C-alpha cells in the first residue's frame, strides 16, 4: 500500500519490489477502481528518467487475490545502468505519491547462493524474459550451461532434454507454432536464431548476446567443421574454408540484419551483403540489453551480474574445437577480407560494450 494518502484522492496501492542496475519492477493500482491504470513516473537521484503505466500482467497478484485481473504490474528499463547507491523513486505521475518501498536504493549483490538467485528469477523478475542469441563459436555453449543452473528446466526453451533429443537446437518454427499456454512459463529462449526471433516471445524480452573477433570466430568454426566427421577429416583449413565460406562469412551481421519474421531466417544460406545490411545489423545490435565480448568474457559476465543480479561465477570453457591446426597468414588475410562487415560490427560492439562498462564503474 502507498505510504501516504491525500484527502480526496483515490487509494493508491502498490510497491517498488525490485531494483537491479538495469530495471525496476513492481505493481500499482487504485483500491477503489482496480481496472483503472496507474500512470507512474520514475526518478533516479531525484531526476525524472521516464514514465510508464502499471498494466503488465502479474499472475502472482491475481492468484493471491491482490488484484482481480493481475494487469497492474510494471517493469521499467533504465536508460543507463545504475551504480551502487543510486536512489530510485516510483511515484504516481499526477500527484507525486510514492509507492511502498520508494525510494529504494540499488545495492550490488555479491555471494548470493544459487537457490537465492533461482528464487529471485522465479518471482521478482516474473514479467521479464530473456532471449539468448547464440552465435556459433562465441563461448555460447559455456554460457548456456550457466543459464541452465539459474533457471528451472521447464522455464527454458529448449531445455537440456530437448537439445539431447534434437542433437542440437530445434528449428525455431517449433517454438513459433507452440500455443500461447505452452509459452506462458518459458522465461528463457535460446538458440542459433537471429535477433528478430525475440518477437515470438512477446513483451518484456531482454536480448543477450556475445560477439567474437571475426577471424578467431571463423577459425574456430572451421576447426569445428573438420572435427565433425569424415567429410573434412583430411582436409586443410584452407580447403574447409573454400567449401564453407559462403555460409559462415559475416555470420554475426547475418544474425542481426533481419527486420521481419516473415523473411527467410535460415542463416546458413549464402546471401550477398551490403552496407544497408550492416546498418540494420548495427541498429538491432544496439537494441540488445546485454552485449558481451568473447575475448573479454570475465568482464562480460561481471557486467551481466551487475545488470541482473545473476551471480554467475567463473565459467569453464566448453565445446572447444580439438586438433587445431596452425593457421597460415594468407588464410587469416582472406578471412579478414571476406568478413569486412563482421569486422565493422565487431568494432561497433566493442564500443557499446565499453560504454556500458563505464556506466557501471
Protein backbone atom coordinates (compact mmCIF):
# COMPACT_ATOMS: atom_id res chain seq x y z
CA UNK A 1 0.00 0.00 0.00
CA UNK A 2 1.21 3.52 -0.68
CA UNK A 3 3.00 5.09 2.24
CA UNK A 4 0.58 8.04 2.39
CA UNK A 5 -2.85 9.06 1.15
CA UNK A 6 -4.00 12.57 0.43
CA UNK A 7 -7.53 13.66 1.24
CA UNK A 8 -9.88 13.35 -1.72
CA UNK A 9 -7.54 11.19 -3.82
CA UNK A 10 -8.24 7.56 -4.69
CA UNK A 11 -6.49 4.93 -2.58
CA UNK A 12 -3.17 4.07 -4.21
CA UNK A 13 -1.89 0.56 -3.70
CA UNK A 14 1.43 -0.69 -4.99
CA UNK A 15 5.08 -1.40 -4.37
CA UNK A 16 8.55 -0.90 -5.70
CA UNK A 17 9.53 -4.54 -5.49
CA UNK A 18 12.91 -4.92 -7.17
CA UNK A 19 15.77 -2.72 -8.29
CA UNK A 20 18.63 -4.01 -10.42
CA UNK A 21 21.17 -1.92 -12.31
CA UNK A 22 19.11 -2.43 -15.49
CA UNK A 23 15.47 -2.13 -14.41
CA UNK A 24 12.92 -1.54 -11.64
CA UNK A 25 9.87 -3.74 -11.16
CA UNK A 26 6.72 -3.66 -9.07
CA UNK A 27 2.98 -3.09 -9.23
CA UNK A 28 0.33 -0.39 -8.63
CA UNK A 29 -3.44 0.08 -8.83
CA UNK A 30 -6.27 2.10 -7.28
CA UNK A 31 -8.02 0.29 -4.44
CA UNK A 32 -11.48 1.65 -5.28
CA UNK A 33 -11.04 1.21 -9.05
CA UNK A 34 -8.52 -1.58 -9.78
CA UNK A 35 -9.32 -1.61 -13.50
CA UNK A 36 -8.04 1.96 -13.93
CA UNK A 37 -4.39 2.15 -14.94
CA UNK A 38 -1.95 4.00 -12.71
CA UNK A 39 0.49 6.29 -14.51
CA UNK A 40 3.91 6.24 -12.88
CA UNK A 41 6.96 8.47 -13.02
CA UNK A 42 10.44 7.01 -12.49
CA UNK A 43 13.13 9.16 -10.90
CA UNK A 44 16.81 8.36 -10.41
CA UNK A 45 18.73 10.51 -7.93
CA UNK A 46 15.79 12.97 -7.93
CA UNK A 47 15.76 13.39 -11.73
CA UNK A 48 12.86 12.11 -13.83
CA UNK A 49 14.12 9.47 -16.31
CA UNK A 50 10.87 8.03 -17.64
CA UNK A 51 7.18 7.26 -17.36
CA UNK A 52 5.24 4.01 -17.54
CA UNK A 53 1.74 2.67 -16.93
CA UNK A 54 1.24 -0.16 -14.44
CA UNK A 55 -0.54 -2.54 -16.81
CA UNK A 56 1.71 -5.60 -17.25
CA UNK A 57 0.30 -8.97 -16.26
CA UNK A 58 1.29 -10.34 -12.83
CA UNK A 59 -0.03 -13.87 -12.35
CA UNK A 60 1.15 -13.92 -8.72
CA UNK A 61 -1.01 -10.91 -7.82
CA UNK A 62 -4.07 -12.40 -9.48
CA UNK A 63 -3.56 -15.86 -7.97
CA UNK A 64 -3.10 -14.42 -4.49
CA UNK A 65 -6.22 -12.23 -4.78
CA UNK A 66 -4.33 -8.94 -4.55
CA UNK A 67 -5.71 -7.78 -7.92
CA UNK A 68 -8.76 -9.14 -9.79
CA UNK A 69 -7.07 -9.48 -13.21
CA UNK A 70 -3.35 -9.18 -12.47
CA UNK A 71 -2.88 -6.40 -15.05
CA UNK A 72 -1.22 -3.94 -12.70
CA UNK A 73 2.50 -4.66 -12.97
CA UNK A 74 5.32 -2.56 -14.34
CA UNK A 75 8.89 -3.19 -15.40
CA UNK A 76 10.94 -0.14 -16.36
CA UNK A 77 14.35 -0.44 -18.07
CA UNK A 78 16.65 2.43 -17.12
CA UNK A 79 18.22 4.44 -19.96
CA UNK A 80 21.61 3.96 -18.26
CA UNK A 81 22.76 1.28 -15.84
CA UNK A 82 22.59 2.24 -12.18
CA UNK A 83 25.61 2.48 -9.94
CA UNK A 84 25.70 1.18 -6.38
CA UNK A 85 23.88 3.62 -4.08
CA UNK A 86 21.74 5.26 -6.77
CA UNK A 87 18.30 6.25 -5.45
CA UNK A 88 15.14 5.24 -7.30
CA UNK A 89 11.71 6.80 -6.72
CA UNK A 90 8.50 5.41 -8.21
CA UNK A 91 5.67 7.90 -7.83
CA UNK A 92 2.16 8.42 -9.15
CA UNK A 93 2.55 10.66 -12.20
CA UNK A 94 -0.13 13.25 -11.41
CA UNK A 95 0.20 13.58 -7.63
CA UNK A 96 3.77 12.53 -6.79
CA UNK A 97 2.57 9.95 -4.25
CA UNK A 98 5.20 7.30 -3.58
CA UNK A 99 4.63 3.57 -3.82
CA UNK A 100 5.59 1.45 -0.85
CA UNK A 101 9.30 0.71 -0.98
CA UNK A 102 10.01 4.03 -2.70
CA UNK A 103 12.55 5.48 -2.55
CA UNK A 104 14.75 2.44 -2.96
CA UNK A 105 18.49 2.14 -3.49
CA UNK A 106 20.42 -0.07 -5.87
CA UNK A 107 22.76 -2.37 -3.98
CA UNK A 108 25.27 -4.54 -5.82
CA UNK A 109 24.79 -8.11 -4.56
CA UNK A 110 27.70 -10.49 -4.21
CA UNK A 111 27.97 -14.04 -2.96
CA UNK A 112 24.27 -14.97 -3.12
CA UNK A 113 23.75 -18.74 -3.15
CA UNK A 114 22.27 -20.44 -6.21
CA UNK A 115 18.92 -21.16 -4.54
CA UNK A 116 18.52 -17.49 -3.65
CA UNK A 117 19.27 -16.49 -7.25
CA UNK A 118 16.73 -19.01 -8.57
CA UNK A 119 14.10 -17.61 -6.21
CA UNK A 120 14.83 -14.08 -7.36
CA UNK A 121 14.48 -15.07 -11.01
CA UNK A 122 11.26 -17.00 -10.35
CA UNK A 123 9.40 -14.22 -8.55
CA UNK A 124 10.96 -10.77 -8.61
CA UNK A 125 11.65 -10.86 -12.34
CA UNK A 126 8.40 -12.60 -13.21
CA UNK A 127 7.50 -10.26 -16.07
CA UNK A 128 10.98 -10.32 -17.61
CA UNK A 129 12.02 -12.82 -20.28
CA UNK A 130 15.38 -13.44 -21.90
CA UNK A 131 16.41 -14.36 -25.42
CA UNK A 132 19.99 -15.62 -25.69
CA UNK A 133 21.16 -15.17 -29.27
CA UNK A 134 23.75 -17.93 -29.54
CA UNK A 135 26.14 -17.10 -32.35
CA UNK A 136 28.30 -20.19 -33.05
CA UNK A 137 31.81 -20.28 -31.59
CA UNK A 138 31.43 -17.29 -29.26
CA UNK A 139 31.58 -19.31 -25.99
CA UNK A 140 27.80 -19.59 -26.09
CA UNK A 141 27.70 -23.24 -25.03
CA UNK A 142 29.54 -22.42 -21.80
CA UNK A 143 27.15 -19.55 -21.14
CA UNK A 144 24.09 -21.67 -21.96
CA UNK A 145 25.07 -24.22 -19.31
CA UNK A 146 25.17 -21.45 -16.71
CA UNK A 147 21.67 -20.34 -17.66
CA UNK A 148 20.56 -23.92 -17.01
CA UNK A 149 21.83 -23.51 -13.43
CA UNK A 150 19.97 -20.24 -12.85
CA UNK A 151 16.59 -21.09 -14.38
CA UNK A 152 14.46 -24.19 -13.95
CA UNK A 153 14.34 -26.57 -16.91
CA UNK A 154 10.63 -26.01 -17.50
CA UNK A 155 11.34 -22.27 -17.86
CA UNK A 156 13.83 -22.73 -20.71
CA UNK A 157 13.31 -23.42 -24.39
CA UNK A 158 14.98 -25.58 -25.48
CA UNK A 159 15.90 -27.28 -22.22
CA UNK A 160 18.64 -29.89 -21.90
CA UNK A 161 16.34 -32.80 -22.71
CA UNK A 162 15.13 -31.11 -25.91
CA UNK A 163 18.67 -30.42 -27.07
CA UNK A 164 19.72 -34.01 -26.46
CA UNK A 165 16.67 -35.29 -28.36
CA UNK A 166 17.25 -32.90 -31.29
CA UNK A 167 21.05 -33.29 -31.17
CA UNK A 168 21.24 -29.53 -31.12
CA UNK A 169 18.86 -26.59 -31.14
CA UNK A 170 15.45 -27.44 -32.67
CA UNK A 171 14.13 -25.32 -35.53
CA UNK A 172 12.66 -22.00 -34.37
CA UNK A 173 9.39 -22.86 -36.16
CA UNK A 174 8.66 -25.41 -33.42
CA UNK A 175 8.55 -22.60 -30.87
CA UNK A 176 6.67 -20.40 -33.35
CA UNK A 177 3.90 -23.00 -33.63
CA UNK A 178 3.52 -23.53 -29.88
CA UNK A 179 0.31 -22.29 -28.29
CA UNK A 180 0.20 -19.28 -26.01
CA UNK A 181 -0.40 -21.51 -23.00
CA UNK A 182 2.67 -23.58 -23.84
CA UNK A 183 4.81 -20.44 -24.00
CA UNK A 184 3.47 -18.93 -20.76
CA UNK A 185 6.04 -20.45 -18.40
CA UNK A 186 9.05 -20.00 -20.69
CA UNK A 187 11.38 -17.32 -19.34
CA UNK A 188 14.48 -18.07 -21.43
CA UNK A 189 14.55 -18.74 -25.16
CA UNK A 190 17.93 -19.58 -26.66
CA UNK A 191 19.47 -20.92 -29.81
CA UNK A 192 21.23 -20.29 -33.10
CA UNK A 193 18.38 -17.97 -34.07
CA UNK A 194 18.58 -14.40 -35.44
CA UNK A 195 17.77 -11.45 -33.23
CA UNK A 196 14.34 -10.85 -34.83
CA UNK A 197 13.07 -14.13 -33.34
CA UNK A 198 12.74 -12.38 -29.97
CA UNK A 199 9.34 -11.13 -31.22
CA UNK A 200 7.99 -14.67 -30.78
CA UNK A 201 8.30 -14.21 -27.01
CA UNK A 202 6.05 -11.16 -26.73
CA UNK A 203 6.81 -8.19 -24.49
CA UNK A 204 9.44 -7.52 -21.80
CA UNK A 205 12.12 -9.57 -23.58
CA UNK A 206 15.77 -8.74 -22.93
CA UNK A 207 18.25 -9.92 -25.57
CA UNK A 208 21.61 -11.35 -24.52
CA UNK A 209 24.45 -11.93 -26.99
CA UNK A 210 28.21 -12.46 -27.20
CA UNK A 211 30.28 -11.34 -30.19
CA UNK A 212 33.77 -12.53 -31.05
CA UNK A 213 36.59 -11.25 -33.26
CA UNK A 214 35.56 -12.47 -36.74
CA UNK A 215 38.91 -14.04 -37.61
CA UNK A 216 39.06 -16.06 -34.41
CA UNK A 217 35.40 -16.99 -34.62
CA UNK A 218 35.76 -18.19 -38.21
CA UNK A 219 38.90 -20.23 -37.48
CA UNK A 220 37.15 -21.88 -34.54
CA UNK A 221 34.20 -22.62 -36.80
CA UNK A 222 36.49 -24.24 -39.37
CA UNK A 223 38.14 -26.44 -36.76
CA UNK A 224 34.71 -27.44 -35.54
CA UNK A 225 33.64 -28.45 -39.05
CA UNK A 226 36.78 -30.51 -39.51
CA UNK A 227 36.24 -32.35 -36.23
CA UNK A 228 32.63 -33.25 -37.01
CA UNK A 229 33.37 -36.32 -39.09
CA UNK A 230 34.69 -37.84 -42.27
CA UNK A 231 33.58 -35.04 -44.60
CA UNK A 232 36.50 -32.76 -43.69
CA UNK A 233 38.70 -35.23 -41.81
CA UNK A 234 41.78 -34.98 -44.02
CA UNK A 235 41.17 -31.50 -45.41
CA UNK A 236 43.31 -28.48 -44.62
CA UNK A 237 41.72 -25.42 -43.05
CA UNK A 238 42.07 -23.66 -46.40
CA UNK A 239 40.11 -26.43 -48.10
CA UNK A 240 37.41 -26.39 -45.42
CA UNK A 241 37.15 -22.62 -45.74
CA UNK A 242 36.72 -22.71 -49.52
CA UNK A 243 33.78 -25.11 -49.13
CA UNK A 244 32.08 -23.23 -46.31
CA UNK A 245 32.97 -19.53 -46.55
CA UNK A 246 29.72 -18.53 -48.26
CA UNK A 247 27.82 -19.90 -45.26
CA UNK A 248 29.97 -18.59 -42.40
CA UNK A 249 31.36 -15.26 -43.66
CA UNK A 250 29.88 -12.19 -41.94
CA UNK A 251 27.80 -14.56 -39.84
CA UNK A 252 27.46 -12.12 -36.94
CA UNK A 253 25.93 -9.50 -39.24
CA UNK A 254 23.52 -12.13 -40.55
CA UNK A 255 22.22 -12.67 -37.02
CA UNK A 256 21.14 -9.02 -36.77
CA UNK A 257 20.20 -7.94 -40.30
CA UNK A 258 16.64 -9.32 -40.32
CA UNK A 259 13.74 -6.99 -39.54
CA UNK A 260 10.77 -9.22 -40.34
CA UNK A 261 9.78 -12.63 -39.04
CA UNK A 262 8.35 -13.41 -42.47
CA UNK A 263 11.82 -13.24 -44.03
CA UNK A 264 13.85 -16.37 -44.70
CA UNK A 265 15.60 -16.87 -41.36
CA UNK A 266 17.90 -19.68 -42.50
CA UNK A 267 21.29 -18.15 -41.72
CA UNK A 268 23.21 -20.96 -43.40
CA UNK A 269 22.08 -19.88 -46.86
CA UNK A 270 24.57 -17.66 -48.72
CA UNK A 271 23.40 -14.11 -49.35
CA UNK A 272 25.26 -11.13 -50.76
CA UNK A 273 25.55 -8.45 -48.09
CA UNK A 274 25.91 -4.70 -48.47
CA UNK A 275 26.23 -1.69 -46.20
CA UNK A 276 22.47 -1.49 -45.73
CA UNK A 277 22.57 -4.93 -44.11
CA UNK A 278 25.35 -3.67 -41.87
CA UNK A 279 23.38 -0.54 -40.93
CA UNK A 280 20.38 -2.65 -39.92
CA UNK A 281 22.62 -5.05 -38.01
CA UNK A 282 24.18 -2.20 -36.02
CA UNK A 283 20.78 -0.78 -35.16
CA UNK A 284 19.42 -4.14 -34.00
CA UNK A 285 22.57 -4.96 -32.05
CA UNK A 286 22.44 -1.62 -30.23
CA UNK A 287 18.94 -2.52 -29.01
CA UNK A 288 20.18 -5.65 -27.24
CA UNK A 289 20.06 -5.12 -23.48
CA UNK A 290 23.26 -7.12 -22.90
CA UNK A 291 26.23 -7.32 -25.27
CA UNK A 292 29.21 -9.42 -24.24
CA UNK A 293 32.62 -9.84 -25.88
CA UNK A 294 34.11 -13.34 -26.01
CA UNK A 295 37.69 -12.05 -25.72
CA UNK A 296 36.65 -10.20 -22.56
CA UNK A 297 34.48 -12.94 -21.17
CA UNK A 298 35.13 -12.36 -17.46
CA UNK A 299 34.34 -8.66 -17.74
CA UNK A 300 31.23 -9.51 -19.74
CA UNK A 301 29.94 -11.88 -17.06
CA UNK A 302 30.66 -9.28 -14.40
CA UNK A 303 28.59 -6.75 -16.37
CA UNK A 304 25.75 -9.25 -16.75
CA UNK A 305 25.79 -9.97 -13.00
CA UNK A 306 25.52 -6.27 -12.24
CA UNK A 307 22.61 -5.84 -14.62
CA UNK A 308 20.51 -8.79 -13.43
CA UNK A 309 21.99 -9.94 -10.09
CA UNK A 310 22.61 -13.39 -11.61
CA UNK A 311 25.78 -14.05 -9.56
CA UNK A 312 27.30 -16.24 -12.29
CA UNK A 313 30.72 -17.41 -11.18
CA UNK A 314 33.74 -18.36 -13.31
CA UNK A 315 32.70 -20.36 -16.36
CA UNK A 316 34.70 -23.29 -17.66
CA UNK A 317 35.06 -23.21 -21.43
CA UNK A 318 33.00 -25.87 -23.22
CA UNK A 319 32.63 -27.05 -26.82
CA UNK A 320 36.22 -26.09 -27.66
CA UNK A 321 37.42 -27.28 -31.06
CA UNK A 322 40.08 -30.00 -30.83
CA UNK A 323 43.11 -30.69 -33.00
CA UNK A 324 43.50 -27.08 -34.03
CA UNK A 325 45.82 -26.55 -36.98
CA UNK A 326 48.25 -23.68 -37.22
CA UNK A 327 46.65 -21.02 -39.39
CA UNK A 328 48.55 -19.52 -42.28
CA UNK A 329 48.87 -15.78 -42.68
CA UNK A 330 47.29 -15.98 -46.14
CA UNK A 331 44.18 -17.67 -44.73
CA UNK A 332 43.81 -15.09 -41.97
CA UNK A 333 44.16 -12.32 -44.54
CA UNK A 334 41.47 -13.90 -46.71
CA UNK A 335 39.12 -14.34 -43.74
CA UNK A 336 39.56 -10.68 -42.82
CA UNK A 337 38.79 -9.63 -46.38
CA UNK A 338 35.69 -11.84 -46.63
CA UNK A 339 34.39 -10.69 -43.23
CA UNK A 340 34.71 -6.93 -43.62
CA UNK A 341 31.15 -6.33 -42.42
CA UNK A 342 31.63 -8.57 -39.40
CA UNK A 343 34.85 -6.71 -38.59
CA UNK A 344 32.96 -3.41 -38.56
CA UNK A 345 30.10 -4.83 -36.50
CA UNK A 346 32.60 -6.26 -34.01
CA UNK A 347 34.29 -2.88 -33.58
CA UNK A 348 30.87 -1.32 -33.07
CA UNK A 349 30.04 -3.97 -30.44
CA UNK A 350 33.31 -3.22 -28.63
CA UNK A 351 32.35 0.46 -28.37
CA UNK A 352 28.91 -0.41 -26.99
CA UNK A 353 30.49 -2.82 -24.52
CA UNK A 354 32.97 -0.19 -23.31
CA UNK A 355 30.22 2.39 -22.87
CA UNK A 356 28.12 0.02 -20.77
CA UNK A 357 31.09 -0.97 -18.65
CA UNK A 358 31.77 2.70 -17.89
CA UNK A 359 28.18 3.15 -16.78
CA UNK A 360 28.69 0.56 -14.03
CA UNK A 361 32.11 1.80 -12.79
